[in-house]
C-alpha atoms as a PDB file:
ATOM      1  CA  MET A   1     -15.058   7.170 -16.533  1.00  0.00           C
ATOM      2  CA  PHE A   2     -16.002   6.588 -20.163  1.00  0.00           C
ATOM      3  CA  SER A   3     -19.355   4.868 -20.457  1.00  0.00           C
ATOM      4  CA  GLU A   4     -18.302   2.697 -23.419  1.00  0.00           C
ATOM      5  CA  PRO A   5     -14.522   2.411 -23.670  1.00  0.00           C
ATOM      6  CA  GLY A   6     -13.375   0.961 -26.970  1.00  0.00           C
ATOM      7  CA  VAL A   7     -10.383   0.438 -29.208  1.00  0.00           C
ATOM      8  CA  LEU A   8     -10.144   4.150 -30.024  1.00  0.00           C
ATOM      9  CA  HIS A   9      -9.957   5.023 -26.331  1.00  0.00           C
ATOM     10  CA  ALA A  10      -7.271   2.373 -25.810  1.00  0.00           C
ATOM     11  CA  LEU A  11      -5.169   3.726 -28.688  1.00  0.00           C
ATOM     12  CA  LEU A  12      -5.578   7.266 -27.413  1.00  0.00           C
ATOM     13  CA  LEU A  13      -4.515   6.145 -23.933  1.00  0.00           C
ATOM     14  CA  ILE A  14      -1.411   4.452 -25.349  1.00  0.00           C
ATOM     15  CA  LEU A  15      -0.522   7.628 -27.241  1.00  0.00           C
ATOM     16  CA  VAL A  16      -0.942   9.813 -24.140  1.00  0.00           C
ATOM     17  CA  VAL A  17       1.031   7.451 -21.902  1.00  0.00           C
ATOM     18  CA  SER A  18       3.852   7.307 -24.481  1.00  0.00           C
ATOM     19  CA  ALA A  19       4.064  11.102 -24.518  1.00  0.00           C
ATOM     20  CA  LEU A  20       4.060  11.200 -20.712  1.00  0.00           C
ATOM     21  CA  TYR A  21       6.815   8.572 -20.649  1.00  0.00           C
ATOM     22  CA  ALA A  22       8.996  10.718 -22.902  1.00  0.00           C
ATOM     23  CA  LEU A  23       8.382  13.661 -20.577  1.00  0.00           C
ATOM     24  CA  ARG A  24       8.969  11.641 -17.403  1.00  0.00           C
ATOM     25  CA  LYS A  25      12.437  10.542 -18.552  1.00  0.00           C
ATOM     26  CA  ARG A  26      13.596  14.176 -18.546  1.00  0.00           C
ATOM     27  CA  LEU A  27      12.476  14.867 -14.977  1.00  0.00           C
ATOM     28  CA  PRO A  28      14.661  14.377 -11.888  1.00  0.00           C
ATOM     29  CA  GLY A  29      13.882  11.569  -9.476  1.00  0.00           C
ATOM     30  CA  THR A  30      12.880   8.940 -12.051  1.00  0.00           C
ATOM     31  CA  LEU A  31      14.411   5.584 -12.992  1.00  0.00           C
ATOM     32  CA  LEU A  32      12.758   5.408 -16.411  1.00  0.00           C
ATOM     33  CA  GLY A  33      15.324   5.598 -19.174  1.00  0.00           C
ATOM     34  CA  ARG A  34      18.239   5.450 -16.710  1.00  0.00           C
ATOM     35  CA  SER A  35      21.089   2.961 -17.174  1.00  0.00           C
ATOM     36  CA  ARG A  36      21.291   0.138 -14.633  1.00  0.00           C
ATOM     37  CA  ASP A  37      24.328  -0.258 -12.406  1.00  0.00           C
ATOM     38  CA  GLN A  38      25.975  -3.604 -13.146  1.00  0.00           C
ATOM     39  CA  LEU A  39      27.406  -3.847  -9.604  1.00  0.00           C
ATOM     40  CA  GLU A  40      24.185  -3.242  -7.680  1.00  0.00           C
ATOM     41  CA  SER A  41      23.204  -5.728  -5.002  1.00  0.00           C
ATOM     42  CA  PRO A  42      20.213  -8.102  -5.316  1.00  0.00           C
ATOM     43  CA  GLN A  43      18.318  -5.979  -2.790  1.00  0.00           C
ATOM     44  CA  ALA A  44      18.974  -2.811  -4.802  1.00  0.00           C
ATOM     45  CA  ARG A  45      17.953  -4.628  -8.002  1.00  0.00           C
ATOM     46  CA  ARG A  46      14.663  -5.745  -6.452  1.00  0.00           C
ATOM     47  CA  ARG A  47      13.990  -2.238  -5.155  1.00  0.00           C
ATOM     48  CA  ARG A  48      14.723  -0.833  -8.615  1.00  0.00           C
ATOM     49  CA  ARG A  49      12.153  -3.151 -10.223  1.00  0.00           C
ATOM     50  CA  GLN A  50       9.561  -2.129  -7.628  1.00  0.00           C
ATOM     51  CA  LEU A  51      10.152   1.550  -8.346  1.00  0.00           C
ATOM     52  CA  ILE A  52       9.904   1.037 -12.108  1.00  0.00           C
ATOM     53  CA  ALA A  53       6.578  -0.801 -11.646  1.00  0.00           C
ATOM     54  CA  LEU A  54       5.411   2.064  -9.432  1.00  0.00           C
ATOM     55  CA  GLU A  55       6.373   4.655 -12.045  1.00  0.00           C
ATOM     56  CA  CYS A  56       4.594   2.736 -14.809  1.00  0.00           C
ATOM     57  CA  THR A  57       1.440   2.675 -12.685  1.00  0.00           C
ATOM     58  CA  GLU A  58       1.753   6.429 -12.154  1.00  0.00           C
ATOM     59  CA  LEU A  59       2.040   7.064 -15.888  1.00  0.00           C
ATOM     60  CA  LEU A  60      -0.987   4.867 -16.606  1.00  0.00           C
ATOM     61  CA  LEU A  61      -3.056   6.703 -13.990  1.00  0.00           C
ATOM     62  CA  ALA A  62      -1.892  10.064 -15.328  1.00  0.00           C
ATOM     63  CA  GLY A  63      -2.932   9.087 -18.851  1.00  0.00           C
ATOM     64  CA  VAL A  64      -6.352   7.864 -17.709  1.00  0.00           C
ATOM     65  CA  PHE A  65      -7.115  11.007 -15.736  1.00  0.00           C
ATOM     66  CA  PHE A  66      -5.875  13.292 -18.481  1.00  0.00           C
ATOM     67  CA  LEU A  67      -8.420  11.693 -20.798  1.00  0.00           C
ATOM     68  CA  VAL A  68     -11.279  11.463 -18.304  1.00  0.00           C
ATOM     69  CA  GLY A  69     -10.740  14.935 -16.846  1.00  0.00           C
ATOM     70  CA  GLY A  70     -10.328  16.405 -20.306  1.00  0.00           C
ATOM     71  CA  ALA A  71     -13.584  14.761 -21.424  1.00  0.00           C
ATOM     72  CA  LYS A  72     -15.361  16.431 -18.510  1.00  0.00           C
ATOM     73  CA  LEU A  73     -13.876  19.839 -19.297  1.00  0.00           C
ATOM     74  CA  VAL A  74     -14.635  19.787 -23.031  1.00  0.00           C
ATOM     75  CA  GLY A  75     -18.184  18.625 -22.334  1.00  0.00           C
ATOM     76  CA  ARG A  76     -18.518  15.191 -23.907  1.00  0.00           C
ATOM     77  CA  HIS A  77     -22.133  14.124 -24.225  1.00  0.00           C
ATOM     78  CA  ASP A  78     -21.782  11.102 -21.947  1.00  0.00           C
ATOM     79  CA  MET A  79     -20.146  13.249 -19.247  1.00  0.00           C
ATOM     80  CA  ILE A  80     -22.892  15.849 -19.438  1.00  0.00           C
ATOM     81  CA  GLU A  81     -25.523  13.129 -19.074  1.00  0.00           C
ATOM     82  CA  LEU A  82     -23.608  11.556 -16.192  1.00  0.00           C
ATOM     83  CA  PHE A  83     -23.548  14.731 -14.112  1.00  0.00           C
ATOM     84  CA  ARG A  84     -27.142  15.472 -15.062  1.00  0.00           C
ATOM     85  CA  SER A  85     -28.028  12.107 -13.548  1.00  0.00           C
ATOM     86  CA  ILE A  86     -26.090  12.969 -10.386  1.00  0.00           C
ATOM     87  CA  GLY A  87     -28.249  16.067  -9.966  1.00  0.00           C
ATOM     88  CA  PHE A  88     -25.779  18.584  -8.548  1.00  0.00           C
ATOM     89  CA  GLY A  89     -25.403  20.672 -11.695  1.00  0.00           C
ATOM     90  CA  GLN A  90     -22.768  20.937 -14.402  1.00  0.00           C
ATOM     91  CA  TRP A  91     -20.486  23.028 -12.189  1.00  0.00           C
ATOM     92  CA  LEU A  92     -19.471  19.788 -10.461  1.00  0.00           C
ATOM     93  CA  ARG A  93     -18.337  18.417 -13.816  1.00  0.00           C
ATOM     94  CA  TYR A  94     -16.006  21.362 -14.370  1.00  0.00           C
ATOM     95  CA  VAL A  95     -14.617  21.205 -10.826  1.00  0.00           C
ATOM     96  CA  THR A  96     -14.054  17.457 -11.018  1.00  0.00           C
ATOM     97  CA  GLY A  97     -12.460  17.685 -14.455  1.00  0.00           C
ATOM     98  CA  ALA A  98     -10.105  20.456 -13.352  1.00  0.00           C
ATOM     99  CA  PHE A  99      -9.011  18.485 -10.281  1.00  0.00           C
ATOM    100  CA  GLU A 100      -8.472  15.339 -12.333  1.00  0.00           C
ATOM    101  CA  VAL A 101      -6.371  17.090 -14.994  1.00  0.00           C
ATOM    102  CA  ALA A 102      -4.307  18.887 -12.331  1.00  0.00           C
ATOM    103  CA  GLY A 103      -3.833  15.632 -10.415  1.00  0.00           C
ATOM    104  CA  ALA A 104      -2.725  13.877 -13.597  1.00  0.00           C
ATOM    105  CA  ALA A 105      -0.176  16.628 -14.271  1.00  0.00           C
ATOM    106  CA  PHE A 106       1.308  16.289 -10.779  1.00  0.00           C
ATOM    107  CA  MET A 107       1.261  12.503 -11.099  1.00  0.00           C
ATOM    108  CA  VAL A 108       3.827  12.800 -13.896  1.00  0.00           C
ATOM    109  CA  ILE A 109       6.279  14.561 -11.540  1.00  0.00           C
ATOM    110  CA  PRO A 110       8.058  11.930  -9.390  1.00  0.00           C
ATOM    111  CA  LEU A 111       8.427  14.201  -6.348  1.00  0.00           C
ATOM    112  CA  ALA A 112       4.706  15.084  -6.342  1.00  0.00           C
ATOM    113  CA  SER A 113       3.123  11.802  -7.419  1.00  0.00           C
ATOM    114  CA  GLY A 114       2.463  10.618  -3.851  1.00  0.00           C
ATOM    115  CA  ALA A 115       0.504  13.736  -2.898  1.00  0.00           C
ATOM    116  CA  SER A 116      -1.344  13.607  -6.226  1.00  0.00           C
ATOM    117  CA  ALA A 117      -2.321   9.982  -5.579  1.00  0.00           C
ATOM    118  CA  VAL A 118      -3.812  10.963  -2.220  1.00  0.00           C
ATOM    119  CA  ALA A 119      -5.811  13.850  -3.752  1.00  0.00           C
ATOM    120  CA  LEU A 120      -7.118  11.749  -6.650  1.00  0.00           C
ATOM    121  CA  GLY A 121      -7.881   8.927  -4.230  1.00  0.00           C
ATOM    122  CA  ILE A 122     -10.197  11.257  -2.301  1.00  0.00           C
ATOM    123  CA  ILE A 123     -11.973  12.061  -5.575  1.00  0.00           C
ATOM    124  CA  MET A 124     -12.343   8.338  -6.284  1.00  0.00           C
ATOM    125  CA  ILE A 125     -13.829   7.757  -2.828  1.00  0.00           C
ATOM    126  CA  SER A 126     -16.427  10.425  -3.619  1.00  0.00           C
ATOM    127  CA  ALA A 127     -17.070   8.844  -7.027  1.00  0.00           C
ATOM    128  CA  THR A 128     -17.533   5.438  -5.380  1.00  0.00           C
ATOM    129  CA  LEU A 129     -20.108   6.795  -2.945  1.00  0.00           C
ATOM    130  CA  ILE A 130     -21.960   8.616  -5.741  1.00  0.00           C
ATOM    131  CA  GLU A 131     -22.143   5.503  -7.903  1.00  0.00           C
ATOM    132  CA  LEU A 132     -23.309   3.366  -4.980  1.00  0.00           C
ATOM    133  CA  PHE A 133     -25.941   5.615  -3.404  1.00  0.00           C
ATOM    134  CA  ILE A 134     -27.046   7.969  -6.214  1.00  0.00           C
ATOM    135  CA  LEU A 135     -26.496   6.160  -9.513  1.00  0.00           C
ATOM    136  CA  ARG A 136     -27.198   2.734  -7.977  1.00  0.00           C
ATOM    137  CA  ARG A 137     -24.550   0.853  -9.923  1.00  0.00           C
ATOM    138  CA  PRO A 138     -21.356  -1.043  -9.016  1.00  0.00           C
ATOM    139  CA  PRO A 139     -18.357   1.335  -8.872  1.00  0.00           C
ATOM    140  CA  ILE A 140     -15.960  -0.982 -10.686  1.00  0.00           C
ATOM    141  CA  ALA A 141     -13.874   1.685 -12.449  1.00  0.00           C
ATOM    142  CA  ALA A 142     -13.771   3.976  -9.416  1.00  0.00           C
ATOM    143  CA  MET A 143     -12.655   1.131  -7.130  1.00  0.00           C
ATOM    144  CA  ALA A 144      -9.968   0.061  -9.612  1.00  0.00           C
ATOM    145  CA  CYS A 145      -8.574   3.605  -9.757  1.00  0.00           C
ATOM    146  CA  LEU A 146      -8.798   3.927  -5.967  1.00  0.00           C
ATOM    147  CA  SER A 147      -6.778   0.715  -5.549  1.00  0.00           C
ATOM    148  CA  ALA A 148      -4.125   2.024  -7.955  1.00  0.00           C
ATOM    149  CA  HIS A 149      -3.948   5.368  -6.112  1.00  0.00           C
ATOM    150  CA  THR A 150      -3.563   3.551  -2.797  1.00  0.00           C
ATOM    151  CA  TYR A 151      -0.710   1.500  -4.252  1.00  0.00           C
ATOM    152  CA  VAL A 152       1.063   4.633  -5.518  1.00  0.00           C
ATOM    153  CA  ALA A 153       0.637   6.543  -2.250  1.00  0.00           C
ATOM    154  CA  TRP A 154       1.832   3.592  -0.172  1.00  0.00           C
ATOM    155  CA  GLY A 155       4.760   2.907  -2.515  1.00  0.00           C
ATOM    156  CA  ARG A 156       5.962   6.514  -2.454  1.00  0.00           C
ATOM    157  CA  LEU A 157       5.683   6.689   1.346  1.00  0.00           C
ATOM    158  CA  ARG A 158       7.640   3.450   1.729  1.00  0.00           C
ATOM    159  CA  HIS A 159      10.266   4.634  -0.775  1.00  0.00           C
ATOM    160  CA  ARG A 160      10.707   7.847   1.228  1.00  0.00           C
ATOM    161  CA  GLN A 161      11.122   5.909   4.479  1.00  0.00           C
ATOM    162  CA  VAL A 162      13.724   3.617   2.906  1.00  0.00           C
ATOM    163  CA  ASN A 163      15.684   6.620   1.649  1.00  0.00           C
ATOM    164  CA  ALA A 164      15.554   8.257   5.095  1.00  0.00           C
ATOM    165  CA  GLU A 165      16.800   5.058   6.758  1.00  0.00           C
ATOM    166  CA  ALA A 166      19.629   4.759   4.222  1.00  0.00           C
ATOM    167  CA  ILE A 167      20.736   8.348   4.832  1.00  0.00           C
ATOM    168  CA  THR A 168      20.629   7.812   8.610  1.00  0.00           C
ATOM    169  CA  ARG A 169      22.666   4.614   8.269  1.00  0.00           C
ATOM    170  CA  GLN A 170      25.298   6.384   6.183  1.00  0.00           C
ATOM    171  CA  ASN A 171      25.599   9.179   8.735  1.00  0.00           C
ATOM    172  CA  VAL A 172      25.974   6.689  11.593  1.00  0.00           C
ATOM    173  CA  GLU A 173      28.669   4.783   9.706  1.00  0.00           C
ATOM    174  CA  ALA A 174      30.515   8.004   8.833  1.00  0.00           C
ATOM    175  CA  VAL A 175      30.872   9.070  12.488  1.00  0.00           C
ATOM    176  CA  PRO A 176      32.981   6.043  13.639  1.00  0.00           C
ATOM    177  CA  ALA A 177      35.054   6.301  10.457  1.00  0.00           C
ATOM    178  CA  ALA A 178      35.867   9.933  11.228  1.00  0.00           C
ATOM    179  CA  ALA A 179      36.643   9.067  14.856  1.00  0.00           C
ATOM    180  CA  SER A 180      39.026   6.246  13.865  1.00  0.00           C
ATOM    181  CA  ALA A 181      40.913   8.602  11.548  1.00  0.00           C
ATOM    182  CA  VAL A 182      42.159  10.580  14.581  1.00  0.00           C
ATOM    183  CA  GLU A 183      45.284   8.942  16.067  1.00  0.00           C
ATOM    184  CA  PRO A 184      44.933   8.272  19.816  1.00  0.00           C
ATOM    185  CA  VAL A 185      47.487   9.868  22.104  1.00  0.00           C
ATOM    186  CA  PRO A 186      49.341   7.365  24.388  1.00  0.00           C
ATOM    187  CA  ALA A 187      48.636   7.691  28.087  1.00  0.00           C
ATOM    188  CA  ASP A 188      52.350   7.892  28.993  1.00  0.00           C
ATOM    189  CA  ALA A 189      53.242  10.388  26.272  1.00  0.00           C
ATOM    190  CA  PRO A 190      54.962  13.562  27.532  1.00  0.00           C
ATOM    191  CA  PRO A 191      52.890  16.693  27.362  1.00  0.00           C
ATOM    192  CA  LEU A 192      53.418  18.847  24.339  1.00  0.00           C
ATOM    193  CA  VAL A 193      54.986  22.210  25.116  1.00  0.00           C
ATOM    194  CA  ASP A 194      55.190  25.077  22.753  1.00  0.00           C
ATOM    195  CA  ASP A 195      58.811  25.534  21.588  1.00  0.00           C
ATOM    196  CA  HIS A 196      58.685  29.288  21.877  1.00  0.00           C
ATOM    197  CA  LEU A 197      57.331  29.076  25.423  1.00  0.00           C
ATOM    198  CA  ALA A 198      60.026  26.594  26.425  1.00  0.00           C
ATOM    199  CA  LEU A 199      62.780  28.825  25.016  1.00  0.00           C
ATOM    200  CA  HIS A 200      61.349  31.839  26.822  1.00  0.00           C
ATOM    201  CA  GLU A 201      61.249  29.975  30.130  1.00  0.00           C
ATOM    202  CA  GLY A 202      64.837  28.767  29.607  1.00  0.00           C
ATOM    203  CA  MET A 203      66.072  32.329  29.091  1.00  0.00           C
ATOM    204  CA  ASN A 204      64.319  33.450  32.271  1.00  0.00           C
ATOM    205  CA  VAL A 205      65.935  30.629  34.282  1.00  0.00           C
ATOM    206  CA  ALA A 206      69.383  31.540  32.923  1.00  0.00           C
ATOM    207  CA  ALA A 207      68.890  35.209  33.786  1.00  0.00           C
ATOM    208  CA  VAL A 208      67.831  34.343  37.333  1.00  0.00           C
ATOM    209  CA  GLY A 209      70.915  32.119  37.726  1.00  0.00           C
ATOM    210  CA  GLU A 210      73.269  34.875  36.596  1.00  0.00           C
ATOM    211  CA  SER A 211      71.713  37.410  38.917  1.00  0.00           C
ATOM    212  CA  THR A 212      72.000  34.997  41.835  1.00  0.00           C
ATOM    213  CA  GLY A 213      75.641  34.343  41.032  1.00  0.00           C
ATOM    214  CA  GLY A 214      76.311  38.073  40.890  1.00  0.00           C
ATOM    215  CA  VAL A 215      74.793  38.627  44.331  1.00  0.00           C
ATOM    216  CA  GLU A 216      76.798  35.805  45.880  1.00  0.00           C
ATOM    217  CA  GLY A 217      80.035  37.183  44.345  1.00  0.00           C
ATOM    218  CA  SER A 218      79.471  40.662  45.756  1.00  0.00           C
ATOM    219  CA  GLY A 219      78.792  39.211  49.203  1.00  0.00           C
ATOM    220  CA  ASP A 220      82.161  37.485  49.226  1.00  0.00           C
END
């Protein structure tokens, strides 16, 4: 993270998050910028507020990692000194910055934000261990980001499970409705016979009767 975040960093973060918000509204699968249904139930209203809070957290994380990953890639002085202190070489700075920028880009997409939160969470676990055992300082920023990534990953997984249960419930309710639409046949109802078949059998019976009558007449 930035060694000395200030007002300029905060303003830049607000600008980036605002741009990401404008982009997020145009993507499928988001509730940002969508009109609210006036007839929705209290449960649906509560779930909608939870999803909006989740999406705002995703946009904030995306903005933070765009700035932090971009600072690593462009080679800010504090980032160069940070990775020099780690002692693994500057190649780790480029790799970490690329992963952070890519993760931030996927975090903006609603359908990919859960997987992006997991990937960035793994990076934050590594950053926490590095700050604890190599840099010997409290990993406050890394732990804060890790907590936010855990919240996003858990929220997206729970949202997916709720959607799957709702779809299953709708399918189960549709099956009895389709079955009740078919009229039951009474037990004492006469069997249905094809009209053409009945006419054909009647003609055969009449022909047999005539031939029998003709034989009896010749015998007399």
